[in-house]
Protein backbone atom coordinates (compact mmCIF):
# COMPACT_ATOMS: atom_id res chain seq x y z
CA MET A 1 -20.01 12.06 -9.84
CA THR A 2 -17.26 13.80 -7.89
CA ASP A 3 -14.08 14.05 -9.93
CA TRP A 4 -10.88 12.29 -8.94
CA SER A 5 -8.92 15.44 -8.14
CA ALA A 6 -11.54 16.48 -5.59
CA ASP A 7 -11.37 13.02 -4.04
CA LEU A 8 -7.58 13.29 -3.93
CA GLU A 9 -7.69 16.56 -2.01
CA LEU A 10 -10.22 15.09 0.41
CA ILE A 11 -8.13 12.01 1.17
CA ARG A 12 -4.85 13.93 1.24
CA GLN A 13 -6.02 16.26 4.00
CA ALA A 14 -7.66 13.37 5.84
CA ALA A 15 -4.41 11.38 5.77
CA VAL A 16 -2.38 14.33 7.09
CA ASP A 17 -4.85 14.90 9.90
CA ALA A 18 -4.90 11.19 10.66
CA GLY A 19 -1.12 11.14 10.95
CA ALA A 20 -1.21 14.04 13.39
CA LEU A 21 -3.86 12.27 15.47
CA ALA A 22 -1.79 9.07 15.52
CA LEU A 23 1.27 10.95 16.79
CA ALA A 24 -0.74 12.76 19.46
CA GLU A 25 -2.36 9.54 20.63
CA ARG A 26 1.03 7.86 20.97
CA GLU A 27 2.42 10.76 22.96
CA GLY A 28 -0.54 10.45 25.31
CA GLY A 29 0.11 6.75 25.89
CA LEU A 30 -1.18 3.94 23.71
CA LYS A 31 -3.58 1.25 24.76
CA ILE A 32 -2.59 -1.97 23.02
CA GLU A 33 -4.65 -5.10 22.45
CA ALA A 34 -4.13 -8.28 20.43
CA LYS A 35 -6.38 -9.14 17.51
CA PRO A 36 -7.44 -12.72 16.78
CA GLY A 37 -4.26 -14.23 15.38
CA GLY A 38 -2.04 -12.18 17.67
CA SER A 39 -1.27 -9.02 15.71
CA PRO A 40 -1.45 -5.81 17.76
CA VAL A 41 -4.01 -3.06 17.46
CA THR A 42 -3.59 0.20 19.35
CA SER A 43 -5.88 2.98 20.48
CA GLY A 44 -4.16 5.03 17.77
CA ASP A 45 -5.32 2.63 15.03
CA LEU A 46 -8.90 2.76 16.30
CA LYS A 47 -9.07 6.52 16.76
CA VAL A 48 -7.62 7.12 13.31
CA ASP A 49 -10.11 4.68 11.82
CA ALA A 50 -12.99 6.55 13.47
CA LEU A 51 -11.68 9.92 12.29
CA LEU A 52 -11.28 8.75 8.70
CA ARG A 53 -14.63 7.03 8.57
CA GLU A 54 -16.43 10.11 9.87
CA ARG A 55 -14.50 12.54 7.67
CA LEU A 56 -14.58 10.58 4.42
CA LEU A 57 -18.06 9.11 4.52
CA GLY A 58 -19.38 12.40 5.84
CA ALA A 59 -18.09 14.04 2.66
CA ARG A 60 -19.04 11.15 0.34
CA PRO A 61 -22.03 9.33 1.87
CA ASP A 62 -22.67 7.37 -1.32
CA TYR A 63 -19.23 5.69 -1.20
CA GLY A 64 -18.56 2.29 0.35
CA TRP A 65 -15.99 1.56 3.05
CA LEU A 66 -13.23 -1.02 3.53
CA SER A 67 -10.80 -0.62 6.42
CA GLU A 68 -8.54 -2.93 8.38
CA GLU A 69 -10.08 -1.73 11.64
CA THR A 70 -13.78 -1.85 10.63
CA ALA A 71 -15.74 -5.09 10.31
CA ASP A 72 -16.20 -5.77 6.60
CA SER A 73 -19.67 -5.75 5.08
CA PRO A 74 -20.90 -6.98 1.68
CA GLU A 75 -22.71 -3.64 1.37
CA ARG A 76 -19.55 -2.16 -0.18
CA LEU A 77 -19.89 -4.52 -3.16
CA SER A 78 -22.98 -2.62 -4.29
CA ARG A 79 -21.17 0.73 -4.38
CA ARG A 80 -19.47 2.00 -7.51
CA ARG A 81 -16.86 3.84 -5.46
CA ILE A 82 -15.37 2.90 -2.11
CA PHE A 83 -12.69 4.17 0.24
CA VAL A 84 -9.98 1.62 1.07
CA VAL A 85 -8.14 2.57 4.25
CA ASP A 86 -5.47 1.24 6.57
CA PRO A 87 -5.57 3.64 9.52
CA ILE A 88 -1.95 2.82 10.41
CA ASP A 89 0.04 0.56 8.10
CA GLY A 90 3.04 -0.62 10.10
CA THR A 91 1.49 -0.67 13.57
CA VAL A 92 4.54 -2.35 15.13
CA ALA A 93 6.81 0.40 13.80
CA TYR A 94 4.35 3.00 15.10
CA MET A 95 4.39 1.37 18.54
CA LYS A 96 8.19 1.14 18.60
CA ARG A 97 8.72 4.72 17.40
CA THR A 98 10.50 3.68 14.24
CA PRO A 99 9.52 5.84 11.27
CA TRP A 100 8.40 3.22 8.74
CA TRP A 101 4.64 3.50 9.15
CA CYS A 102 2.07 5.41 7.16
CA VAL A 103 -1.59 6.20 6.51
CA PRO A 104 -2.65 4.87 3.08
CA ILE A 105 -6.04 5.82 1.60
CA ALA A 106 -7.39 4.85 -1.83
CA VAL A 107 -10.54 5.57 -3.78
CA VAL A 108 -11.60 2.57 -5.84
CA GLU A 109 -14.03 2.99 -8.74
CA ASP A 110 -15.38 -0.04 -10.61
CA GLY A 111 -12.59 -2.22 -9.23
CA GLU A 112 -9.70 0.13 -10.05
CA VAL A 113 -7.89 2.67 -7.88
CA VAL A 114 -8.50 6.20 -9.18
CA ALA A 115 -7.07 8.36 -6.36
CA ALA A 116 -4.52 7.49 -3.67
CA VAL A 117 -2.48 8.99 -0.86
CA ILE A 118 0.23 7.52 1.38
CA HIS A 119 1.21 9.84 4.22
CA ALA A 120 4.26 8.94 6.31
CA PRO A 121 4.27 11.48 9.16
CA GLU A 122 7.61 10.71 10.78
CA VAL A 123 9.60 11.06 7.57
CA GLY A 124 7.59 14.05 6.34
CA GLU A 125 6.52 12.41 3.08
CA THR A 126 3.13 12.49 1.36
CA TYR A 127 2.74 10.48 -1.85
CA ALA A 128 -0.29 11.06 -4.07
CA ALA A 129 -1.72 10.09 -7.44
CA THR A 130 -4.82 10.11 -9.58
CA ARG A 131 -5.37 7.72 -12.47
CA GLY A 132 -3.72 9.22 -15.53
CA GLY A 133 -2.41 12.19 -13.57
CA GLY A 134 1.06 11.02 -12.54
CA ALA A 135 2.42 10.56 -9.03
CA THR A 136 4.02 12.97 -6.59
CA ARG A 137 5.90 13.09 -3.31
CA ASN A 138 5.34 16.33 -1.41
CA ASP A 139 3.80 17.76 -4.60
CA ARG A 140 6.85 17.04 -6.77
CA PRO A 141 6.69 14.45 -9.57
CA ILE A 142 8.31 11.09 -8.91
CA ALA A 143 9.39 8.30 -11.24
CA ALA A 144 10.31 4.67 -10.79
CA SER A 145 13.86 3.43 -11.24
CA ASP A 146 15.25 2.94 -14.73
CA ALA A 147 17.23 -0.14 -13.61
CA ASP A 148 17.26 -2.80 -16.31
CA ALA A 149 19.33 -5.58 -14.70
CA LEU A 150 18.58 -7.59 -11.57
CA GLU A 151 22.25 -7.81 -10.64
CA ASP A 152 22.76 -5.56 -7.59
CA ALA A 153 19.16 -4.31 -7.77
CA SER A 154 17.68 -3.01 -4.50
CA PHE A 155 14.66 -4.94 -3.19
CA LEU A 156 12.27 -4.37 -0.30
CA GLY A 157 11.21 -7.63 1.27
CA ASP A 158 12.54 -10.69 3.05
CA ALA A 159 15.89 -11.88 1.66
CA ARG A 160 14.85 -15.47 2.38
CA LEU A 161 12.31 -15.18 -0.43
CA ILE A 162 14.88 -15.98 -3.09
CA GLU A 163 16.41 -18.92 -1.27
CA GLY A 164 15.41 -22.45 -2.18
CA PRO A 165 15.10 -24.52 -5.37
CA HIS A 166 11.66 -23.46 -6.62
CA TRP A 167 12.69 -20.67 -8.98
CA ALA A 168 12.40 -21.08 -12.74
CA GLU A 169 15.71 -19.26 -13.19
CA PRO A 170 18.53 -18.53 -10.74
CA TRP A 171 18.67 -15.14 -9.07
CA PRO A 172 21.71 -12.92 -9.42
CA SER A 173 23.00 -11.05 -6.38
CA VAL A 174 20.38 -8.54 -5.24
CA ARG A 175 20.27 -6.30 -2.16
CA PHE A 176 17.39 -6.60 0.32
CA GLU A 177 16.19 -4.13 2.93
CA LYS A 178 13.13 -4.13 5.18
CA ARG A 179 10.46 -1.51 5.81
CA ASN A 180 7.47 -2.34 7.99
CA ALA A 181 4.59 -0.93 5.96
CA LEU A 182 3.72 -2.50 2.61
CA ALA A 183 2.21 0.75 1.36
CA TYR A 184 5.40 2.63 2.18
CA ARG A 185 7.50 0.00 0.39
CA MET A 186 5.46 0.57 -2.76
CA ALA A 187 5.83 4.34 -2.39
CA LEU A 188 9.60 3.97 -2.19
CA VAL A 189 9.60 1.93 -5.39
CA ALA A 190 7.42 4.59 -7.00
CA ALA A 191 9.96 7.25 -6.05
CA GLY A 192 12.91 5.26 -7.41
CA ALA A 193 14.51 4.84 -3.99
CA PHE A 194 14.32 1.06 -4.46
CA ASP A 195 14.02 -1.00 -7.62
CA ALA A 196 11.39 -3.51 -6.46
CA ALA A 197 9.21 -4.78 -3.64
CA ILE A 198 8.15 -8.43 -3.56
CA ALA A 199 5.94 -10.59 -1.34
CA LEU A 200 4.62 -14.04 -2.26
CA THR A 201 1.76 -14.34 0.23
CA PRO A 202 -1.72 -12.77 0.00
CA LYS A 203 -1.95 -9.08 0.88
CA TRP A 204 -5.01 -7.17 2.04
CA ASP A 205 -6.39 -4.49 -0.24
CA TRP A 206 -5.98 -1.83 2.45
CA ASP A 207 -2.22 -2.49 2.50
CA VAL A 208 -1.66 -2.26 -1.26
CA ALA A 209 -4.47 -0.37 -3.01
CA ALA A 210 -3.04 3.14 -2.58
CA GLY A 211 0.49 1.99 -3.36
CA SER A 212 -0.58 0.24 -6.54
CA LEU A 213 -1.84 3.45 -8.17
CA ILE A 214 1.03 5.60 -6.94
CA ALA A 215 3.58 3.08 -8.21
CA GLN A 216 1.90 2.65 -11.59
CA GLU A 217 1.48 6.37 -12.11
CA ALA A 218 5.21 6.74 -11.39
CA GLY A 219 5.96 4.21 -14.14
CA ALA A 220 6.44 1.06 -12.07
CA ALA A 221 4.64 -2.21 -12.86
CA VAL A 222 2.42 -3.91 -10.26
CA SER A 223 0.92 -7.41 -10.34
CA ASP A 224 0.81 -10.73 -8.53
CA HIS A 225 3.88 -12.94 -8.94
CA HIS A 226 2.41 -14.62 -12.03
CA GLY A 227 2.06 -11.23 -13.69
CA ARG A 228 -1.70 -10.93 -13.36
CA PRO A 229 -3.16 -7.46 -12.71
CA TRP A 230 -5.09 -6.68 -9.57
CA ARG A 231 -8.79 -5.90 -9.13
CA PHE A 232 -10.26 -4.33 -6.02
CA ASN A 233 -13.58 -4.31 -4.16
CA ARG A 234 -14.12 -8.04 -4.53
CA PRO A 235 -15.81 -10.26 -1.93
CA ASP A 236 -12.40 -11.43 -0.71
CA PRO A 237 -10.44 -8.17 -0.30
CA ARG A 238 -7.00 -9.63 -0.88
CA GLN A 239 -4.47 -9.83 -3.67
CA ALA A 240 -2.67 -13.12 -4.23
CA SER A 241 0.85 -11.67 -3.94
CA LEU A 242 2.91 -8.59 -4.74
CA VAL A 243 5.50 -7.71 -7.36
CA CYS A 244 6.02 -3.95 -7.59
CA ALA A 245 9.05 -3.12 -9.67
CA ALA A 246 10.80 -0.87 -12.13
CA PRO A 247 9.29 -1.55 -15.55
CA ALA A 248 12.35 -3.29 -16.99
CA LEU A 249 12.76 -5.51 -13.91
CA HIS A 250 9.13 -6.57 -13.46
CA PRO A 251 9.08 -9.18 -16.27
CA GLN A 252 12.43 -10.58 -15.11
CA ILE A 253 11.03 -11.10 -11.61
CA VAL A 254 7.76 -12.60 -12.82
CA ARG A 255 9.64 -14.97 -15.13
CA ARG A 256 11.58 -16.37 -12.19
CA CYS A 257 8.34 -16.79 -10.22
CA ARG A 258 6.45 -18.82 -12.81
CA ASP A 259 6.91 -22.12 -10.95
CA VAL A 260 5.99 -20.67 -7.54
CA PRO A 261 2.38 -21.56 -6.69
CA MET A 262 -0.10 -18.97 -5.51
CA GLY A 263 -0.06 -18.59 -1.75
CA GLY A 264 3.73 -18.92 -1.55
């Protein structure tokens, strides 16, 4: 089997090239359509998807494939390793020329992420990790925050999440900011720029697989909001919810979420 470091180099270069293609396509004028449900998909998303599929499966024809912009197939369930790809995470930001979008790519082996890249072209950041090998941003090691108190902690997510009476314990004052792409939020937690990212609704594997490894290899903790670890390449390619946080904060967040049902 191909080793993880070789897979990492493959997906790193593919992500960088995909980001360049996305920028070029936008400069040339995007074609925009609506998916079922109303979310937008652009010609950039589709061209990046085609590039990545050709490049990655051309190099690893025995791997399976899961992408937001490719119709899913149960065939991937029979493969030991698969690529998990979101051609452009944060399509609305990409369309609006705000910088908070990225190209996340993960290699999943036996249900666990073993290599991951998140490339954010407009901020010049490339996050990468292999299982057991640590995490980097632009080839320099990164580490999650050492914050140990929720008071004044910095969160990525919707501030309305902590409103309402359904929490097992009250929340102290925390600071919320927004970034469009889930993968990029997790990368920022991995780098210690924010203390936590939280979302209480199901999240697609292509949005969170790469970020989960990068965050964990940087020392952060990742789970659903009941503290349960994630598994990938399942028939339903979604995780129940997201808590990605500095290691000392993660149990404090999960403890407050214990009365919140799955699905929000």
